C-alpha atoms as a PDB file:
ATOM      1  CA  MET A   1      12.126 -45.151  -6.534  1.00  0.00           C
ATOM      2  CA  SER A   2      10.121 -42.203  -7.178  1.00  0.00           C
ATOM      3  CA  LYS A   3      11.023 -39.534  -9.601  1.00  0.00           C
ATOM      4  CA  GLN A   4      11.332 -36.890  -6.928  1.00  0.00           C
ATOM      5  CA  LYS A   5      13.806 -39.040  -4.809  1.00  0.00           C
ATOM      6  CA  ASP A   6      15.887 -39.571  -8.054  1.00  0.00           C
ATOM      7  CA  TYR A   7      15.915 -35.724  -8.584  1.00  0.00           C
ATOM      8  CA  ARG A   8      17.109 -35.155  -5.039  1.00  0.00           C
ATOM      9  CA  GLU A   9      19.926 -37.575  -5.374  1.00  0.00           C
ATOM     10  CA  PHE A  10      21.511 -35.711  -8.264  1.00  0.00           C
ATOM     11  CA  LYS A  11      20.862 -32.139  -7.069  1.00  0.00           C
ATOM     12  CA  LEU A  12      23.918 -30.334  -6.024  1.00  0.00           C
ATOM     13  CA  PRO A  13      24.033 -28.701  -2.630  1.00  0.00           C
ATOM     14  CA  HIS A  14      23.287 -25.056  -3.220  1.00  0.00           C
ATOM     15  CA  ARG A  15      21.326 -22.063  -1.809  1.00  0.00           C
ATOM     16  CA  HIS A  16      19.696 -19.062  -3.547  1.00  0.00           C
ATOM     17  CA  CYS A  17      20.701 -15.552  -3.615  1.00  0.00           C
ATOM     18  CA  LEU A  18      18.858 -13.467  -0.985  1.00  0.00           C
ATOM     19  CA  ILE A  19      17.805 -10.872  -3.442  1.00  0.00           C
ATOM     20  CA  CYS A  20      17.143 -12.322  -6.893  1.00  0.00           C
ATOM     21  CA  GLY A  21      16.831 -16.036  -6.052  1.00  0.00           C
ATOM     22  CA  ILE A  22      19.396 -17.205  -8.512  1.00  0.00           C
ATOM     23  CA  SER A  23      21.010 -20.640  -7.491  1.00  0.00           C
ATOM     24  CA  ILE A  24      24.502 -20.052  -5.934  1.00  0.00           C
ATOM     25  CA  PRO A  25      27.072 -22.418  -4.310  1.00  0.00           C
ATOM     26  CA  GLU A  26      26.727 -23.174  -0.577  1.00  0.00           C
ATOM     27  CA  GLY A  27      28.617 -20.706   1.640  1.00  0.00           C
ATOM     28  CA  LYS A  28      27.743 -17.607  -0.384  1.00  0.00           C
ATOM     29  CA  LYS A  29      24.697 -15.230   0.088  1.00  0.00           C
ATOM     30  CA  PHE A  30      24.499 -13.317  -3.009  1.00  0.00           C
ATOM     31  CA  CYS A  31      25.292 -13.967  -6.620  1.00  0.00           C
ATOM     32  CA  SER A  32      26.846 -10.615  -7.286  1.00  0.00           C
ATOM     33  CA  ARG A  33      28.172  -7.515  -5.728  1.00  0.00           C
ATOM     34  CA  LYS A  34      24.976  -5.669  -7.065  1.00  0.00           C
ATOM     35  CA  CYS A  35      22.675  -8.005  -5.111  1.00  0.00           C
ATOM     36  CA  MET A  36      25.018  -7.520  -1.942  1.00  0.00           C
ATOM     37  CA  GLU A  37      24.720  -3.691  -2.213  1.00  0.00           C
ATOM     38  CA  GLU A  38      20.947  -3.883  -2.653  1.00  0.00           C
ATOM     39  CA  TYR A  39      20.566  -6.102   0.351  1.00  0.00           C
ATOM     40  CA  GLU A  40      22.830  -3.904   2.510  1.00  0.00           C
ATOM     41  CA  GLU A  41      20.546  -0.791   1.344  1.00  0.00           C
ATOM     42  CA  LEU A  42      17.467  -2.784   2.207  1.00  0.00           C
ATOM     43  CA  LYS A  43      18.815  -3.523   5.630  1.00  0.00           C
ATOM     44  CA  LYS A  44      19.692   0.336   6.330  1.00  0.00           C
ATOM     45  CA  LEU A  45      15.904   1.161   5.303  1.00  0.00           C
ATOM     46  CA  GLU A  46      14.598  -1.572   7.672  1.00  0.00           C
ATOM     47  CA  LYS A  47      16.699  -0.205  10.427  1.00  0.00           C
ATOM     48  CA  ARG A  48      15.511   3.362   9.773  1.00  0.00           C
ATOM     49  CA  ASN A  49      11.840   2.337   9.674  1.00  0.00           C
ATOM     50  CA  ARG A  50      12.114   0.332  12.873  1.00  0.00           C
ATOM     51  CA  ILE A  51      13.655   3.380  14.633  1.00  0.00           C
ATOM     52  CA  LEU A  52      10.827   5.614  13.218  1.00  0.00           C
ATOM     53  CA  ALA A  53       8.299   3.252  14.328  1.00  0.00           C
ATOM     54  CA  TYR A  54       9.792   3.173  17.921  1.00  0.00           C
ATOM     55  CA  ILE A  55       9.666   6.935  17.910  1.00  0.00           C
ATOM     56  CA  ALA A  56       6.150   7.024  16.770  1.00  0.00           C
ATOM     57  CA  VAL A  57       5.064   4.523  19.574  1.00  0.00           C
ATOM     58  CA  ALA A  58       7.046   6.559  22.098  1.00  0.00           C
ATOM     59  CA  TRP A  59       5.297   9.921  21.342  1.00  0.00           C
ATOM     60  CA  PHE A  60       1.905   7.934  21.245  1.00  0.00           C
ATOM     61  CA  LEU A  61       2.669   6.702  24.669  1.00  0.00           C
ATOM     62  CA  MET A  62       3.913  10.026  25.903  1.00  0.00           C
ATOM     63  CA  PHE A  63       0.689  11.597  25.001  1.00  0.00           C
ATOM     64  CA  VAL A  64      -1.460   8.934  26.447  1.00  0.00           C
ATOM     65  CA  VAL A  65       0.490   9.443  29.809  1.00  0.00           C
ATOM     66  CA  LEU A  66      -0.044  13.058  29.651  1.00  0.00           C
ATOM     67  CA  TYR A  67      -3.726  12.800  28.972  1.00  0.00           C
ATOM     68  CA  ILE A  68      -4.255  10.408  31.972  1.00  0.00           C
ATOM     69  CA  TYR A  69      -2.130  12.665  34.089  1.00  0.00           C
ATOM     70  CA  LYS A  70      -4.230  15.534  33.160  1.00  0.00           C
ATOM     71  CA  MET A  71      -7.475  13.719  33.720  1.00  0.00           C
ATOM     72  CA  VAL A  72      -6.391  12.444  37.121  1.00  0.00           C
ATOM     73  CA  THR A  73      -4.967  15.793  38.459  1.00  0.00           C
ATOM     74  CA  GLY A  74      -8.009  17.853  36.884  1.00  0.00           C
ATOM     75  CA  MET A  75      -5.858  20.214  35.169  1.00  0.00           C
END
């Protein structure tokens, strides 16, 4: 048997904290309340940034459509 296979046989089932990467038992996502709160804050920021990106794209498309309309109608 290889050393790596032996290592896998004795390794307990676990996962890693989504924020700090510490090994935690299966079924948990975070090692502490602090990491959970930090994760929630990151998710809020991601949502806000995604909304702002959609707004920026919408503004850009609106100006492109208005520019094309102006070119077609000859205003």
